[in-house]
Amino acid sequence: MAHNPQGQQPDPNNDPAGSTQMFRAFVDEGGGPQTRGPQQPAASAATPGPRIGLIVGIVVAVAVLAGVVWLAVG
């Protein structure tokens, strides 16, 4: 451990990056949970938009991988 000639102890609550203070300011800025009337349902099977993109991406990746394997073997 390094010698501290001033005898000062490091502050255990010090956040050199300041991220904790920024997070607390962000949370405090909102003022807690807000009620906005009727709650919107979470993304589920009723909203297939992002899921379709994911499925198409996986199918394309499998097809490309199969093509690479076919070329490597053949």
C-alpha atoms as a PDB file:
ATOM      1  CA  MET A   1       0.000   0.000   0.000  1.00  0.00           C
ATOM      2  CA  ALA A   2       1.312   3.465  -0.856  1.00  0.00           C
ATOM      3  CA  HIS A   3       2.319   5.854   1.899  1.00  0.00           C
ATOM      4  CA  ASN A   4       0.103   8.918   2.191  1.00  0.00           C
ATOM      5  CA  PRO A   5       2.137  11.704   3.860  1.00  0.00           C
ATOM      6  CA  GLN A   6      -0.845  14.007   4.391  1.00  0.00           C
ATOM      7  CA  GLY A   7      -2.658  11.348   6.393  1.00  0.00           C
ATOM      8  CA  GLN A   8      -5.817  11.741   4.327  1.00  0.00           C
ATOM      9  CA  GLN A   9      -7.967   8.699   3.846  1.00  0.00           C
ATOM     10  CA  PRO A  10      -9.518   8.091   0.430  1.00  0.00           C
ATOM     11  CA  ASP A  11     -13.216   8.846   0.330  1.00  0.00           C
ATOM     12  CA  PRO A  12     -15.082   5.518  -0.057  1.00  0.00           C
ATOM     13  CA  ASN A  13     -18.025   7.373  -1.640  1.00  0.00           C
ATOM     14  CA  ASN A  14     -15.883   9.063  -4.294  1.00  0.00           C
ATOM     15  CA  ASP A  15     -16.888   8.178  -7.847  1.00  0.00           C
ATOM     16  CA  PRO A  16     -14.043   9.337 -10.129  1.00  0.00           C
ATOM     17  CA  ALA A  17     -16.101   8.894 -13.301  1.00  0.00           C
ATOM     18  CA  GLY A  18     -19.105  10.654 -11.811  1.00  0.00           C
ATOM     19  CA  SER A  19     -21.474   8.038 -13.197  1.00  0.00           C
ATOM     20  CA  THR A  20     -23.245   7.540  -9.883  1.00  0.00           C
ATOM     21  CA  GLN A  21     -23.937  11.244  -9.545  1.00  0.00           C
ATOM     22  CA  MET A  22     -25.173  11.422 -13.142  1.00  0.00           C
ATOM     23  CA  PHE A  23     -27.438   8.421 -12.597  1.00  0.00           C
ATOM     24  CA  ARG A  24     -28.882   9.891  -9.419  1.00  0.00           C
ATOM     25  CA  ALA A  25     -29.509  13.186 -11.192  1.00  0.00           C
ATOM     26  CA  PHE A  26     -31.256  11.323 -14.021  1.00  0.00           C
ATOM     27  CA  VAL A  27     -33.454   9.389 -11.601  1.00  0.00           C
ATOM     28  CA  ASP A  28     -34.228  12.427  -9.467  1.00  0.00           C
ATOM     29  CA  GLU A  29     -35.096  14.464 -12.570  1.00  0.00           C
ATOM     30  CA  GLY A  30     -38.003  12.151 -13.357  1.00  0.00           C
ATOM     31  CA  GLY A  31     -39.542  12.537  -9.920  1.00  0.00           C
ATOM     32  CA  GLY A  32     -40.317   8.847  -9.531  1.00  0.00           C
ATOM     33  CA  PRO A  33     -42.889   6.720 -11.296  1.00  0.00           C
ATOM     34  CA  GLN A  34     -45.316   8.652 -13.413  1.00  0.00           C
ATOM     35  CA  THR A  35     -48.842   7.673 -14.266  1.00  0.00           C
ATOM     36  CA  ARG A  36     -49.825   8.349 -17.860  1.00  0.00           C
ATOM     37  CA  GLY A  37     -53.375   7.057 -17.890  1.00  0.00           C
ATOM     38  CA  PRO A  38     -53.930   3.567 -19.301  1.00  0.00           C
ATOM     39  CA  GLN A  39     -50.821   1.465 -19.359  1.00  0.00           C
ATOM     40  CA  GLN A  40     -49.504   0.283 -22.684  1.00  0.00           C
ATOM     41  CA  PRO A  41     -49.008  -3.463 -23.031  1.00  0.00           C
ATOM     42  CA  ALA A  42     -45.476  -4.746 -23.227  1.00  0.00           C
ATOM     43  CA  ALA A  43     -44.141  -6.055 -26.524  1.00  0.00           C
ATOM     44  CA  SER A  44     -45.561  -9.522 -26.981  1.00  0.00           C
ATOM     45  CA  ALA A  45     -46.604 -11.928 -29.693  1.00  0.00           C
ATOM     46  CA  ALA A  46     -49.197  -9.364 -30.804  1.00  0.00           C
ATOM     47  CA  THR A  47     -46.390  -7.133 -32.134  1.00  0.00           C
ATOM     48  CA  PRO A  48     -44.331  -9.367 -34.430  1.00  0.00           C
ATOM     49  CA  GLY A  49     -42.306  -6.552 -36.050  1.00  0.00           C
ATOM     50  CA  PRO A  50     -38.897  -7.030 -34.419  1.00  0.00           C
ATOM     51  CA  ARG A  51     -39.344 -10.800 -34.205  1.00  0.00           C
ATOM     52  CA  ILE A  52     -39.747 -11.198 -37.940  1.00  0.00           C
ATOM     53  CA  GLY A  53     -36.472  -9.381 -38.543  1.00  0.00           C
ATOM     54  CA  LEU A  54     -34.716 -11.631 -36.066  1.00  0.00           C
ATOM     55  CA  ILE A  55     -36.110 -14.781 -37.657  1.00  0.00           C
ATOM     56  CA  VAL A  56     -35.179 -13.615 -41.165  1.00  0.00           C
ATOM     57  CA  GLY A  57     -31.668 -12.764 -39.957  1.00  0.00           C
ATOM     58  CA  ILE A  58     -31.211 -16.210 -38.427  1.00  0.00           C
ATOM     59  CA  VAL A  59     -32.476 -17.923 -41.591  1.00  0.00           C
ATOM     60  CA  VAL A  60     -30.075 -15.867 -43.738  1.00  0.00           C
ATOM     61  CA  ALA A  61     -27.163 -16.643 -41.400  1.00  0.00           C
ATOM     62  CA  VAL A  62     -27.923 -20.381 -41.524  1.00  0.00           C
ATOM     63  CA  ALA A  63     -28.178 -20.241 -45.337  1.00  0.00           C
ATOM     64  CA  VAL A  64     -24.837 -18.446 -45.634  1.00  0.00           C
ATOM     65  CA  LEU A  65     -23.212 -20.899 -43.239  1.00  0.00           C
ATOM     66  CA  ALA A  66     -24.638 -23.836 -45.200  1.00  0.00           C
ATOM     67  CA  GLY A  67     -23.289 -22.329 -48.444  1.00  0.00           C
ATOM     68  CA  VAL A  68     -19.824 -21.899 -46.953  1.00  0.00           C
ATOM     69  CA  VAL A  69     -19.803 -25.486 -45.682  1.00  0.00           C
ATOM     70  CA  TRP A  70     -21.055 -26.741 -49.082  1.00  0.00           C
ATOM     71  CA  LEU A  71     -18.270 -24.883 -50.871  1.00  0.00           C
ATOM     72  CA  ALA A  72     -15.640 -26.107 -48.421  1.00  0.00           C
ATOM     73  CA  VAL A  73     -16.694 -29.753 -48.738  1.00  0.00           C
ATOM     74  CA  GLY A  74     -17.373 -29.697 -52.480  1.00  0.00           C
END
